[in-house]
Amino acid sequence: MASRLVRAIDWVATPLGPIAQWPAPLRTVLGTMLRSRNPMLLYWGPQLTHFFNTAFIPSLDTRQFPGAMGQPGEQA
């Protein structure tokens, strides 16, 4: 599941915590999304944590990337 985008984040310091403790549905959806060639964006949980795949990067404002991954939706 892990891509360079996901590995670059210190998830322990986020509300989601370590990847090993993430719920199975999140890991499954994120794994599928990260392997997709189509641009995909996912907001997860109460804080709407922001996930995206590499195909989505051109859609991000340059001020948002790379810091958007793992941020609450309102900050991403």
C-alpha atoms as a PDB file:
ATOM      1  CA  MET A   1       0.000   0.000   0.000  1.00  0.00           C
ATOM      2  CA  ALA A   2       2.722   2.466   0.871  1.00  0.00           C
ATOM      3  CA  SER A   3       3.928   4.780  -1.835  1.00  0.00           C
ATOM      4  CA  ARG A   4       6.580   7.434  -1.560  1.00  0.00           C
ATOM      5  CA  LEU A   5       3.794   9.950  -0.934  1.00  0.00           C
ATOM      6  CA  VAL A   6       2.543   8.012   2.094  1.00  0.00           C
ATOM      7  CA  ARG A   7       5.986   7.036   3.401  1.00  0.00           C
ATOM      8  CA  ALA A   8       7.060  10.691   3.413  1.00  0.00           C
ATOM      9  CA  ILE A   9       4.618  11.503   6.240  1.00  0.00           C
ATOM     10  CA  ASP A  10       5.241  10.954   9.955  1.00  0.00           C
ATOM     11  CA  TRP A  11       1.806   9.446  10.532  1.00  0.00           C
ATOM     12  CA  VAL A  12       2.474   8.876  14.228  1.00  0.00           C
ATOM     13  CA  ALA A  13       2.233  12.655  14.640  1.00  0.00           C
ATOM     14  CA  THR A  14      -1.230  12.776  12.989  1.00  0.00           C
ATOM     15  CA  PRO A  15      -4.686  11.892  14.315  1.00  0.00           C
ATOM     16  CA  LEU A  16      -4.598   8.701  12.193  1.00  0.00           C
ATOM     17  CA  GLY A  17      -1.540   7.379  14.010  1.00  0.00           C
ATOM     18  CA  PRO A  18       0.814   4.699  12.664  1.00  0.00           C
ATOM     19  CA  ILE A  19      -0.155   3.031   9.387  1.00  0.00           C
ATOM     20  CA  ALA A  20      -0.210  -0.383  11.079  1.00  0.00           C
ATOM     21  CA  GLN A  21      -3.128   0.838  13.213  1.00  0.00           C
ATOM     22  CA  TRP A  22      -5.207   2.246  10.360  1.00  0.00           C
ATOM     23  CA  PRO A  23      -8.539   0.521   9.760  1.00  0.00           C
ATOM     24  CA  ALA A  24      -8.516  -2.160   7.067  1.00  0.00           C
ATOM     25  CA  PRO A  25     -11.012  -0.271   4.844  1.00  0.00           C
ATOM     26  CA  LEU A  26      -8.698   2.760   4.731  1.00  0.00           C
ATOM     27  CA  ARG A  27      -5.654   0.654   3.890  1.00  0.00           C
ATOM     28  CA  THR A  28      -7.592  -1.201   1.184  1.00  0.00           C
ATOM     29  CA  VAL A  29      -9.031   1.888  -0.491  1.00  0.00           C
ATOM     30  CA  LEU A  30      -5.766   3.784  -0.233  1.00  0.00           C
ATOM     31  CA  GLY A  31      -3.788   0.872  -1.662  1.00  0.00           C
ATOM     32  CA  THR A  32      -6.121   0.701  -4.662  1.00  0.00           C
ATOM     33  CA  MET A  33      -6.058   4.442  -5.130  1.00  0.00           C
ATOM     34  CA  LEU A  34      -2.267   4.699  -4.967  1.00  0.00           C
ATOM     35  CA  ARG A  35      -1.871   2.086  -7.713  1.00  0.00           C
ATOM     36  CA  SER A  36      -4.362   3.785 -10.027  1.00  0.00           C
ATOM     37  CA  ARG A  37      -3.262   5.732 -13.084  1.00  0.00           C
ATOM     38  CA  ASN A  38      -6.357   7.915 -12.754  1.00  0.00           C
ATOM     39  CA  PRO A  39      -6.257  11.006 -10.559  1.00  0.00           C
ATOM     40  CA  MET A  40      -7.844  10.148  -7.236  1.00  0.00           C
ATOM     41  CA  LEU A  41      -8.468  12.057  -4.033  1.00  0.00           C
ATOM     42  CA  LEU A  42      -9.685  10.665  -0.708  1.00  0.00           C
ATOM     43  CA  TYR A  43     -10.831  12.424   2.443  1.00  0.00           C
ATOM     44  CA  TRP A  44     -10.912  10.091   5.450  1.00  0.00           C
ATOM     45  CA  GLY A  45     -12.286  10.297   8.972  1.00  0.00           C
ATOM     46  CA  PRO A  46     -13.704  13.080  11.113  1.00  0.00           C
ATOM     47  CA  GLN A  47     -10.861  15.450  10.209  1.00  0.00           C
ATOM     48  CA  LEU A  48     -11.178  14.616   6.505  1.00  0.00           C
ATOM     49  CA  THR A  49      -7.523  13.656   6.211  1.00  0.00           C
ATOM     50  CA  HIS A  50      -6.405  14.363   2.648  1.00  0.00           C
ATOM     51  CA  PHE A  51      -4.924  11.559   0.522  1.00  0.00           C
ATOM     52  CA  PHE A  52      -4.158  11.603  -3.199  1.00  0.00           C
ATOM     53  CA  ASN A  53      -2.213   9.576  -5.733  1.00  0.00           C
ATOM     54  CA  THR A  54       0.596  10.748  -8.001  1.00  0.00           C
ATOM     55  CA  ALA A  55      -1.804  11.183 -10.933  1.00  0.00           C
ATOM     56  CA  PHE A  56      -3.673  13.783  -8.867  1.00  0.00           C
ATOM     57  CA  ILE A  57      -0.590  15.952  -8.212  1.00  0.00           C
ATOM     58  CA  PRO A  58      -1.008  18.124 -11.360  1.00  0.00           C
ATOM     59  CA  SER A  59      -4.473  19.065 -10.035  1.00  0.00           C
ATOM     60  CA  LEU A  60      -3.014  20.540  -6.854  1.00  0.00           C
ATOM     61  CA  ASP A  61      -2.111  24.170  -6.529  1.00  0.00           C
ATOM     62  CA  THR A  62       1.689  24.401  -6.321  1.00  0.00           C
ATOM     63  CA  ARG A  63       1.282  26.075  -2.919  1.00  0.00           C
ATOM     64  CA  GLN A  64      -0.457  22.911  -1.664  1.00  0.00           C
ATOM     65  CA  PHE A  65       2.015  20.273  -2.788  1.00  0.00           C
ATOM     66  CA  PRO A  66       3.803  18.461  -1.206  1.00  0.00           C
ATOM     67  CA  GLY A  67       2.342  19.480   2.143  1.00  0.00           C
ATOM     68  CA  ALA A  68      -1.253  18.541   1.312  1.00  0.00           C
ATOM     69  CA  MET A  69      -0.890  14.800   1.952  1.00  0.00           C
ATOM     70  CA  GLY A  70      -2.115  13.867   5.413  1.00  0.00           C
ATOM     71  CA  GLN A  71      -3.491  17.298   6.236  1.00  0.00           C
ATOM     72  CA  PRO A  72      -7.052  17.891   7.414  1.00  0.00           C
ATOM     73  CA  GLY A  73      -9.250  18.690   4.423  1.00  0.00           C
ATOM     74  CA  GLU A  74      -9.792  22.278   5.473  1.00  0.00           C
ATOM     75  CA  GLN A  75      -5.999  22.878   5.384  1.00  0.00           C
ATOM     76  CA  ALA A  76      -5.129  20.866   2.275  1.00  0.00           C
END
